[in-house]
């Protein structure tokens, strides 16, 4: 029952931390109250991408004639789409089970509560409790769908992302509240499947964390597909007493009533930090998240925290990176602190969004004199051949030294392209280095080189 490290939570932060700890020779256990893989593998990143793939296949069928292919019929079997998504998630969760066995990590199922002196109490599903001891504990408990006072989720008519993945039948109409990555991905999926979708966003533009040009392009693209957007709008109340939902939405035009079968609340997430014993142990918080140093140590010796419960972007790959850094520090290595300005963000609608580093406005606000380059996919041979000409690549460089400050991509498969830019920024590659790097033709990725060339007045294909 004694371990060098116990990790609480088996999402992409927790299970990665546990594996790295085992690789470094630490006797390790992981505690999970639900399913190995956490939200990401079971209710987030992976199953949503499976749903989106089904939507894309359906869109291909509907546009097959554009490619000279005649397809008769084609209709959505919503139950089969959901079943496939759940099957993908289950397979990934089983993969984590295999990795735990391979790395000799003990899996303890139950709900954990930390105590003083490195002790952890675990309550099993049958109500029994057992105490474990660890020299070090990593909290990796993730987050859940955030609830607003005027948008209480009942799991049936007002739902969060978990219910949105397993609805028993496809709604004819859906109102999505919030246009971050979660809201936009579900809006795209349901709209592509044939549901009438309206997105209500409190800010003055959709995907508000992205560069402004990305927001405008995405809204244009998704409007063409039939999604309705209401920006600078606020949901004041939802009446669920009737057959569907009557939603009071206030905007600059006044208050109006929208009707839909279901309302999806996608207004962010709330860290899972309750009932863990943190207050009793004396762990400090800041702005609703656990306060940690650059290597994820809390104010309590031997207690660490990573992922959605600490500062930084609430993304799976961030949690994984934090877990590795944290464990390497525990093991006596000398890892670098994570550079949160070089974290890629991806949204998997069609067209996709991928971005990293400063937006144009952010770079100017930071005091940089900048060079901006842009290359539209309408000028890309590969995009034209593929029939995916919506979107562009936008790159931002420091005018004085050529530092690669940021990049913002919207188009087909751009989430697969952003990694090149993250590596370039990590290696302190300059704008001219990108221009002089030969990219393969025809590819979508050569748009990165063309955009960089545009920033320096050397673009060829514009």
Protein backbone atom coordinates (compact mmCIF):
# COMPACT_ATOMS: atom_id res chain seq x y z
CA UNK A 1 0.00 0.00 0.00
CA UNK A 2 3.05 2.28 0.00
CA UNK A 3 4.06 4.04 -3.22
CA UNK A 4 6.61 6.52 -4.47
CA UNK A 5 3.80 8.21 -6.41
CA UNK A 6 0.03 8.03 -6.51
CA UNK A 7 -1.80 9.84 -9.28
CA UNK A 8 -5.44 10.77 -8.70
CA UNK A 9 -7.27 10.82 -12.03
CA UNK A 10 -6.47 8.84 -15.19
CA UNK A 11 -7.11 11.38 -17.94
CA UNK A 12 -4.37 12.46 -20.39
CA UNK A 13 -2.60 14.26 -17.56
CA UNK A 14 -2.84 11.49 -15.00
CA UNK A 15 -2.15 8.38 -17.04
CA UNK A 16 0.76 10.02 -18.90
CA UNK A 17 2.27 11.14 -15.57
CA UNK A 18 1.90 7.60 -14.21
CA UNK A 19 3.58 6.02 -17.23
CA UNK A 20 6.49 8.49 -17.15
CA UNK A 21 6.90 7.85 -13.41
CA UNK A 22 7.08 4.12 -13.99
CA UNK A 23 9.65 4.63 -16.75
CA UNK A 24 11.77 6.56 -14.25
CA UNK A 25 11.63 3.73 -11.73
CA UNK A 26 9.02 5.06 -9.32
CA UNK A 27 6.60 2.61 -7.74
CA UNK A 28 3.33 4.06 -9.04
CA UNK A 29 -0.41 3.70 -8.62
CA UNK A 30 -3.30 5.54 -10.25
CA UNK A 31 -6.72 6.12 -8.73
CA UNK A 32 -9.78 6.46 -10.98
CA UNK A 33 -13.43 6.72 -9.93
CA UNK A 34 -15.03 6.11 -13.34
CA UNK A 35 -13.17 4.93 -16.49
CA UNK A 36 -9.49 4.84 -17.38
CA UNK A 37 -8.65 7.60 -19.83
CA UNK A 38 -10.78 10.24 -18.11
CA UNK A 39 -13.00 12.70 -19.95
CA UNK A 40 -10.71 13.03 -22.97
CA UNK A 41 -10.81 9.40 -24.02
CA UNK A 42 -14.32 8.59 -22.81
CA UNK A 43 -16.38 11.78 -23.16
CA UNK A 44 -14.25 14.41 -24.87
CA UNK A 45 -11.46 14.53 -27.44
CA UNK A 46 -11.74 11.02 -28.89
CA UNK A 47 -15.49 10.24 -29.12
CA UNK A 48 -16.29 13.72 -30.43
CA UNK A 49 -13.79 13.23 -33.26
CA UNK A 50 -15.50 9.94 -34.07
CA UNK A 51 -18.85 11.77 -34.31
CA UNK A 52 -17.30 14.48 -36.48
CA UNK A 53 -15.83 11.86 -38.82
CA UNK A 54 -19.32 10.42 -39.34
CA UNK A 55 -20.55 13.93 -40.15
CA UNK A 56 -17.75 14.41 -42.66
CA UNK A 57 -18.50 11.09 -44.36
CA UNK A 58 -22.15 12.12 -44.67
CA UNK A 59 -21.08 15.45 -46.15
CA UNK A 60 -18.88 13.63 -48.67
CA UNK A 61 -21.86 11.54 -49.73
CA UNK A 62 -24.02 14.63 -50.10
CA UNK A 63 -21.36 16.30 -52.27
CA UNK A 64 -20.16 13.20 -54.16
CA UNK A 65 -21.51 14.63 -57.43
CA UNK A 66 -19.00 17.48 -57.10
CA UNK A 67 -16.28 14.86 -57.60
CA UNK A 68 -17.98 13.09 -60.49
CA UNK A 69 -19.42 10.31 -58.34
CA UNK A 70 -23.14 9.51 -58.37
CA UNK A 71 -24.42 8.14 -55.06
CA UNK A 72 -28.05 7.18 -54.61
CA UNK A 73 -29.70 7.85 -51.28
CA UNK A 74 -27.66 8.13 -48.12
CA UNK A 75 -29.33 8.77 -44.79
CA UNK A 76 -28.24 9.12 -41.19
CA UNK A 77 -28.60 6.19 -38.79
CA UNK A 78 -28.14 8.32 -35.68
CA UNK A 79 -28.07 5.36 -33.30
CA UNK A 80 -25.31 3.70 -35.32
CA UNK A 81 -23.30 6.94 -35.39
CA UNK A 82 -23.49 7.17 -31.58
CA UNK A 83 -22.67 3.47 -31.22
CA UNK A 84 -19.54 3.83 -33.37
CA UNK A 85 -18.38 6.79 -31.28
CA UNK A 86 -18.83 4.87 -28.04
CA UNK A 87 -17.00 1.88 -29.53
CA UNK A 88 -14.02 4.07 -30.40
CA UNK A 89 -13.97 5.48 -26.86
CA UNK A 90 -14.22 2.01 -25.30
CA UNK A 91 -11.33 0.78 -27.43
CA UNK A 92 -9.14 3.67 -26.36
CA UNK A 93 -9.99 3.11 -22.69
CA UNK A 94 -8.98 -0.55 -23.03
CA UNK A 95 -5.74 0.66 -24.56
CA UNK A 96 -5.01 2.60 -21.36
CA UNK A 97 -5.68 -0.56 -19.33
CA UNK A 98 -3.03 -2.31 -21.43
CA UNK A 99 -0.55 0.52 -20.87
CA UNK A 100 -1.09 0.36 -17.11
CA UNK A 101 -0.31 -3.37 -17.09
CA UNK A 102 2.66 -2.95 -19.43
CA UNK A 103 4.19 -0.31 -17.16
CA UNK A 104 3.37 -2.19 -13.94
CA UNK A 105 1.16 0.60 -12.61
CA UNK A 106 -1.41 -0.42 -9.98
CA UNK A 107 -4.93 0.72 -10.87
CA UNK A 108 -7.14 1.51 -7.88
CA UNK A 109 -10.80 2.09 -8.68
CA UNK A 110 -12.65 4.43 -6.33
CA UNK A 111 -12.98 7.99 -5.09
CA UNK A 112 -9.89 9.48 -3.49
CA UNK A 113 -9.51 11.89 -0.60
CA UNK A 114 -6.07 13.10 0.46
CA UNK A 115 -5.04 13.36 4.09
CA UNK A 116 -2.05 14.75 5.91
CA UNK A 117 1.19 12.77 5.95
CA UNK A 118 0.93 11.47 2.38
CA UNK A 119 -2.09 9.31 3.15
CA UNK A 120 -4.95 8.81 0.68
CA UNK A 121 -8.31 7.30 1.52
CA UNK A 122 -10.05 5.52 -1.38
CA UNK A 123 -13.74 4.69 -1.23
CA UNK A 124 -14.79 1.91 -3.59
CA UNK A 125 -18.14 1.65 -5.39
CA UNK A 126 -19.34 -0.90 -2.80
CA UNK A 127 -18.77 1.63 0.00
CA UNK A 128 -15.64 0.01 1.41
CA UNK A 129 -12.59 2.16 2.12
CA UNK A 130 -8.88 1.52 2.03
CA UNK A 131 -5.93 3.74 2.94
CA UNK A 132 -2.80 4.12 0.82
CA UNK A 133 0.44 6.01 1.43
CA UNK A 134 2.59 7.85 -1.10
CA UNK A 135 5.75 9.93 -0.90
CA UNK A 136 4.25 12.07 -3.64
CA UNK A 137 0.71 12.65 -4.90
CA UNK A 138 -0.32 14.21 -8.21
CA UNK A 139 -3.84 15.58 -8.46
CA UNK A 140 -5.10 15.22 -12.04
CA UNK A 141 -8.86 15.25 -11.56
CA UNK A 142 -9.80 17.29 -14.64
CA UNK A 143 -12.98 19.28 -15.09
CA UNK A 144 -16.66 19.02 -15.94
CA UNK A 145 -19.21 21.04 -17.89
CA UNK A 146 -19.79 24.45 -16.31
CA UNK A 147 -23.34 25.31 -15.28
CA UNK A 148 -24.79 28.82 -15.34
CA UNK A 149 -27.50 29.78 -12.81
CA UNK A 150 -29.97 30.54 -15.62
CA UNK A 151 -28.98 27.44 -17.61
CA UNK A 152 -29.26 24.54 -15.21
CA UNK A 153 -28.66 21.21 -16.94
CA UNK A 154 -31.34 18.56 -16.49
CA UNK A 155 -29.61 16.04 -18.78
CA UNK A 156 -32.63 15.79 -21.09
CA UNK A 157 -33.67 19.14 -22.52
CA UNK A 158 -30.79 21.29 -21.25
CA UNK A 159 -27.69 19.19 -21.68
CA UNK A 160 -23.90 19.29 -21.41
CA UNK A 161 -21.30 17.72 -23.67
CA UNK A 162 -21.68 14.22 -22.20
CA UNK A 163 -25.38 13.97 -23.02
CA UNK A 164 -24.72 15.54 -26.44
CA UNK A 165 -22.65 12.48 -27.32
CA UNK A 166 -25.27 9.91 -26.38
CA UNK A 167 -28.69 11.37 -27.20
CA UNK A 168 -31.22 8.56 -27.79
CA UNK A 169 -32.46 10.25 -30.95
CA UNK A 170 -31.38 13.10 -33.18
CA UNK A 171 -33.06 16.42 -32.35
CA UNK A 172 -34.75 18.32 -35.18
CA UNK A 173 -33.51 21.60 -33.71
CA UNK A 174 -30.72 22.53 -31.30
CA UNK A 175 -29.58 25.74 -29.63
CA UNK A 176 -25.90 25.76 -28.65
CA UNK A 177 -24.95 28.28 -25.97
CA UNK A 178 -21.28 29.17 -26.30
CA UNK A 179 -19.05 29.11 -29.38
CA UNK A 180 -15.76 27.85 -28.01
CA UNK A 181 -14.28 24.62 -29.34
CA UNK A 182 -16.88 22.39 -27.65
CA UNK A 183 -19.86 24.43 -28.82
CA UNK A 184 -18.62 24.84 -32.39
CA UNK A 185 -17.74 21.16 -32.80
CA UNK A 186 -21.18 20.03 -31.68
CA UNK A 187 -22.85 22.75 -33.78
CA UNK A 188 -20.98 21.48 -36.83
CA UNK A 189 -21.76 17.82 -36.10
CA UNK A 190 -25.49 18.22 -35.56
CA UNK A 191 -25.90 20.65 -38.46
CA UNK A 192 -24.09 18.27 -40.83
CA UNK A 193 -26.40 15.48 -39.67
CA UNK A 194 -29.47 17.55 -40.55
CA UNK A 195 -30.42 19.23 -37.27
CA UNK A 196 -31.36 22.93 -37.42
CA UNK A 197 -28.66 24.62 -35.29
CA UNK A 198 -28.51 28.08 -33.73
CA UNK A 199 -25.39 29.21 -31.83
CA UNK A 200 -25.73 31.91 -29.15
CA UNK A 201 -22.47 33.63 -28.16
CA UNK A 202 -22.08 36.23 -25.39
CA UNK A 203 -19.01 37.84 -26.99
CA UNK A 204 -19.12 39.92 -30.17
CA UNK A 205 -17.72 37.12 -32.35
CA UNK A 206 -17.60 33.33 -32.43
CA UNK A 207 -14.51 31.40 -31.26
CA UNK A 208 -13.50 34.59 -29.41
CA UNK A 209 -10.06 33.34 -28.30
CA UNK A 210 -8.96 33.04 -31.92
CA UNK A 211 -7.55 35.71 -34.21
CA UNK A 212 -10.34 38.00 -35.46
CA UNK A 213 -9.87 37.00 -39.09
CA UNK A 214 -10.29 33.34 -38.14
CA UNK A 215 -13.57 34.14 -36.38
CA UNK A 216 -14.92 35.97 -39.42
CA UNK A 217 -13.89 33.22 -41.86
CA UNK A 218 -15.35 30.43 -39.71
CA UNK A 219 -18.67 32.27 -39.35
CA UNK A 220 -18.84 32.75 -43.14
CA UNK A 221 -18.05 29.08 -43.78
CA UNK A 222 -20.52 27.69 -41.25
CA UNK A 223 -23.28 30.10 -42.25
CA UNK A 224 -22.98 28.70 -45.79
CA UNK A 225 -23.70 25.28 -44.29
CA UNK A 226 -26.87 26.56 -42.62
CA UNK A 227 -25.86 27.34 -39.02
CA UNK A 228 -27.41 30.49 -37.53
CA UNK A 229 -25.24 32.66 -35.26
CA UNK A 230 -26.27 35.21 -32.64
CA UNK A 231 -23.31 37.14 -31.22
CA UNK A 232 -23.31 39.73 -28.41
CA UNK A 233 -26.28 37.73 -27.15
CA UNK A 234 -27.17 36.31 -23.76
CA UNK A 235 -29.54 33.50 -22.76
CA UNK A 236 -31.69 34.90 -19.97
CA UNK A 237 -33.90 31.88 -19.31
CA UNK A 238 -35.08 28.54 -20.69
CA UNK A 239 -38.63 27.24 -20.29
CA UNK A 240 -38.70 23.44 -20.50
CA UNK A 241 -42.29 22.89 -19.33
CA UNK A 242 -43.58 22.26 -22.86
CA UNK A 243 -42.58 19.64 -25.39
CA UNK A 244 -39.34 21.41 -26.28
CA UNK A 245 -37.45 24.46 -25.01
CA UNK A 246 -38.39 28.13 -25.20
CA UNK A 247 -35.24 30.19 -24.88
CA UNK A 248 -35.24 33.89 -24.03
CA UNK A 249 -32.25 35.51 -25.74
CA UNK A 250 -31.28 39.13 -25.20
CA UNK A 251 -29.20 40.93 -27.83
CA UNK A 252 -28.77 44.45 -29.24
CA UNK A 253 -32.04 43.92 -31.12
CA UNK A 254 -33.90 43.29 -27.87
CA UNK A 255 -35.23 40.10 -26.30
CA UNK A 256 -36.63 37.33 -28.47
CA UNK A 257 -37.88 33.81 -27.89
CA UNK A 258 -36.23 30.94 -29.73
CA UNK A 259 -37.62 27.41 -29.79
CA UNK A 260 -35.68 24.17 -30.05
CA UNK A 261 -35.93 20.53 -29.04
CA UNK A 262 -32.75 20.72 -26.96
CA UNK A 263 -30.38 23.35 -25.56
CA UNK A 264 -26.70 22.44 -25.31
CA UNK A 265 -24.78 24.41 -22.70
CA UNK A 266 -21.18 24.81 -23.87
CA UNK A 267 -20.12 27.76 -21.73
CA UNK A 268 -16.86 26.34 -20.44
CA UNK A 269 -15.70 23.97 -17.73
CA UNK A 270 -15.42 23.82 -13.94
CA UNK A 271 -12.38 22.18 -12.25
CA UNK A 272 -13.04 19.04 -10.20
CA UNK A 273 -11.53 20.17 -6.91
CA UNK A 274 -14.37 19.45 -4.47
CA UNK A 275 -14.36 16.65 -1.88
CA UNK A 276 -10.68 15.83 -2.37
CA UNK A 277 -9.65 16.85 1.14
CA UNK A 278 -7.69 19.83 -0.18
CA UNK A 279 -9.01 22.32 2.38
CA UNK A 280 -8.29 19.97 5.28
CA UNK A 281 -4.71 19.44 4.10
CA UNK A 282 -4.27 23.19 3.49
CA UNK A 283 -3.77 23.32 -0.28
CA UNK A 284 -3.98 26.91 -1.56
CA UNK A 285 -6.18 28.10 -4.42
CA UNK A 286 -6.12 31.08 -6.75
CA UNK A 287 -9.11 32.11 -8.89
CA UNK A 288 -10.80 28.75 -8.42
CA UNK A 289 -7.76 26.67 -9.38
CA UNK A 290 -5.02 25.02 -7.36
CA UNK A 291 -1.97 27.25 -6.95
CA UNK A 292 1.23 25.60 -8.18
CA UNK A 293 4.79 26.58 -9.08
CA UNK A 294 6.47 26.09 -12.49
CA UNK A 295 6.86 22.38 -11.77
CA UNK A 296 3.29 21.88 -10.42
CA UNK A 297 4.13 21.64 -6.73
CA UNK A 298 1.44 23.00 -4.42
CA UNK A 299 2.22 24.76 -1.14
CA UNK A 300 2.11 21.34 0.55
CA UNK A 301 5.24 19.17 0.33
CA UNK A 302 4.65 16.04 -1.72
CA UNK A 303 1.40 17.28 -3.25
CA UNK A 304 1.32 18.31 -6.92
CA UNK A 305 -1.46 19.25 -9.36
CA UNK A 306 -1.70 19.28 -13.16
CA UNK A 307 -4.23 19.74 -15.96
CA UNK A 308 -7.56 21.55 -15.88
CA UNK A 309 -7.37 22.17 -12.11
CA UNK A 310 -4.35 24.51 -12.41
CA UNK A 311 -3.54 27.66 -14.40
CA UNK A 312 -3.01 27.37 -18.14
CA UNK A 313 -5.04 26.16 -21.10
CA UNK A 314 -7.52 23.37 -20.34
CA UNK A 315 -6.31 21.05 -23.11
CA UNK A 316 -5.41 17.36 -23.11
CA UNK A 317 -1.94 17.89 -24.56
CA UNK A 318 -1.21 20.58 -21.96
CA UNK A 319 -2.11 18.19 -19.14
CA UNK A 320 0.13 15.47 -20.64
CA UNK A 321 3.09 17.85 -20.94
CA UNK A 322 2.54 19.10 -17.38
CA UNK A 323 2.40 15.52 -16.11
CA UNK A 324 5.74 14.63 -17.70
CA UNK A 325 7.45 17.80 -16.41
CA UNK A 326 6.03 17.27 -12.93
CA UNK A 327 7.17 13.64 -12.69
CA UNK A 328 10.64 14.37 -14.08
CA UNK A 329 11.06 17.06 -11.42
CA UNK A 330 9.92 14.63 -8.70
CA UNK A 331 12.45 12.08 -9.98
CA UNK A 332 15.30 14.58 -9.66
CA UNK A 333 15.66 15.50 -13.32
CA UNK A 334 15.91 19.07 -14.60
CA UNK A 335 13.02 19.67 -17.00
CA UNK A 336 12.29 23.07 -18.56
CA UNK A 337 9.12 24.85 -17.44
CA UNK A 338 6.34 24.63 -20.01
CA UNK A 339 6.06 27.54 -22.46
CA UNK A 340 2.32 28.22 -22.45
CA UNK A 341 2.69 30.60 -25.40
CA UNK A 342 3.69 27.69 -27.63
CA UNK A 343 0.63 25.53 -27.02
CA UNK A 344 -1.41 24.73 -30.14
CA UNK A 345 -5.17 25.03 -29.99
CA UNK A 346 -7.38 23.03 -32.37
CA UNK A 347 -11.08 23.03 -33.21
CA UNK A 348 -12.29 20.10 -35.29
CA UNK A 349 -15.23 21.49 -37.23
CA UNK A 350 -15.11 21.77 -41.04
CA UNK A 351 -13.17 23.85 -41.86
CA UNK A 352 -10.82 23.10 -38.98
CA UNK A 353 -9.05 25.74 -36.90
CA UNK A 354 -5.50 25.52 -35.56
CA UNK A 355 -3.51 28.28 -33.90
CA UNK A 356 -0.46 28.91 -31.75
CA UNK A 357 1.24 31.92 -30.21
CA UNK A 358 0.20 35.55 -30.51
CA UNK A 359 -2.81 36.77 -32.45
CA UNK A 360 -2.18 39.85 -34.56
CA UNK A 361 -3.84 42.04 -31.91
CA UNK A 362 -1.98 40.25 -29.11
CA UNK A 363 1.39 40.81 -30.78
CA UNK A 364 0.68 44.52 -31.26
CA UNK A 365 -0.56 44.84 -27.67
CA UNK A 366 2.69 43.19 -26.50
CA UNK A 367 4.63 45.98 -28.21
CA UNK A 368 5.95 44.12 -31.24
CA UNK A 369 6.40 45.72 -34.64
CA UNK A 370 5.15 42.92 -36.86
CA UNK A 371 5.13 41.47 -40.34
CA UNK A 372 1.95 39.57 -41.27
CA UNK A 373 1.64 37.11 -44.13
CA UNK A 374 -1.46 35.38 -45.41
CA UNK A 375 -2.08 32.71 -48.03
CA UNK A 376 -5.62 31.63 -48.99
CA UNK A 377 -6.34 27.99 -49.77
CA UNK A 378 -8.21 29.23 -52.85
CA UNK A 379 -4.70 29.71 -54.33
CA UNK A 380 -3.54 26.23 -53.27
CA UNK A 381 -3.35 23.53 -55.94
CA UNK A 382 -3.87 20.72 -53.40
CA UNK A 383 -6.90 22.47 -51.84
CA UNK A 384 -8.41 23.03 -55.30
CA UNK A 385 -7.88 19.38 -56.26
CA UNK A 386 -9.41 18.23 -52.97
CA UNK A 387 -12.36 20.61 -53.23
CA UNK A 388 -11.48 22.26 -49.89
CA UNK A 389 -10.69 25.85 -50.83
CA UNK A 390 -12.25 27.53 -47.76
CA UNK A 391 -9.75 29.14 -45.41
CA UNK A 392 -6.21 30.44 -45.20
CA UNK A 393 -2.90 30.41 -43.32
CA UNK A 394 -1.92 33.56 -41.44
CA UNK A 395 1.54 34.00 -39.91
CA UNK A 396 2.95 36.75 -37.70
CA UNK A 397 6.65 37.61 -37.33
CA UNK A 398 8.61 40.18 -35.35
CA UNK A 399 9.71 42.74 -37.96
CA UNK A 400 13.05 43.40 -36.26
CA UNK A 401 14.42 39.90 -35.61
CA UNK A 402 12.13 37.63 -37.62
CA UNK A 403 10.87 35.78 -34.52
CA UNK A 404 7.90 33.55 -35.32
CA UNK A 405 5.28 35.13 -33.05
CA UNK A 406 2.17 33.22 -34.03
CA UNK A 407 0.16 31.40 -36.67
CA UNK A 408 -3.56 31.03 -37.33
CA UNK A 409 -4.90 28.46 -39.76
CA UNK A 410 -8.41 27.66 -40.95
CA UNK A 411 -9.11 24.99 -43.54
CA UNK A 412 -9.13 21.26 -44.21
CA UNK A 413 -6.69 19.25 -42.07
CA UNK A 414 -4.97 22.31 -40.59
CA UNK A 415 -4.88 20.58 -37.18
CA UNK A 416 -2.32 18.25 -38.76
CA UNK A 417 -0.25 21.23 -40.00
CA UNK A 418 0.15 23.27 -36.81
CA UNK A 419 2.80 20.95 -35.36
CA UNK A 420 5.35 22.23 -37.90
CA UNK A 421 4.88 25.74 -36.56
CA UNK A 422 5.16 24.63 -32.92
CA UNK A 423 8.49 22.93 -33.69
CA UNK A 424 9.67 25.99 -35.63
CA UNK A 425 8.86 28.27 -32.70
CA UNK A 426 10.49 25.90 -30.19
CA UNK A 427 13.68 25.94 -32.28
CA UNK A 428 13.52 29.75 -32.60
CA UNK A 429 13.15 29.52 -36.38
CA UNK A 430 12.82 32.87 -38.15
CA UNK A 431 10.39 33.90 -40.85
CA UNK A 432 13.04 33.67 -43.57
CA UNK A 433 13.99 30.18 -42.39
CA UNK A 434 10.41 29.12 -43.19
CA UNK A 435 10.51 30.89 -46.56
CA UNK A 436 13.75 29.11 -47.53
CA UNK A 437 12.60 25.67 -46.33
CA UNK A 438 11.45 23.65 -49.34
CA UNK A 439 7.94 22.29 -48.79
CA UNK A 440 6.46 19.44 -50.87
CA UNK A 441 4.09 20.26 -53.73
CA UNK A 442 1.18 19.89 -53.97
CA UNK A 443 0.31 19.92 -50.27
CA UNK A 444 -1.81 21.99 -47.93
CA UNK A 445 1.28 22.57 -45.78
CA UNK A 446 3.12 24.57 -48.44
CA UNK A 447 0.63 27.33 -47.64
CA UNK A 448 2.72 27.92 -44.48
CA UNK A 449 5.78 28.67 -46.63
CA UNK A 450 3.71 30.84 -48.98
CA UNK A 451 2.22 32.81 -46.09
CA UNK A 452 5.70 33.39 -44.67
CA UNK A 453 6.88 34.54 -48.10
CA UNK A 454 3.92 36.91 -48.25
CA UNK A 455 5.05 38.51 -44.99
CA UNK A 456 8.41 39.32 -46.63
CA UNK A 457 7.04 40.35 -50.03
CA UNK A 458 8.30 37.18 -51.74
CA UNK A 459 5.11 35.17 -52.25
CA UNK A 460 5.01 33.41 -55.63
CA UNK A 461 1.47 32.11 -56.06
CA UNK A 462 -0.56 35.20 -55.17
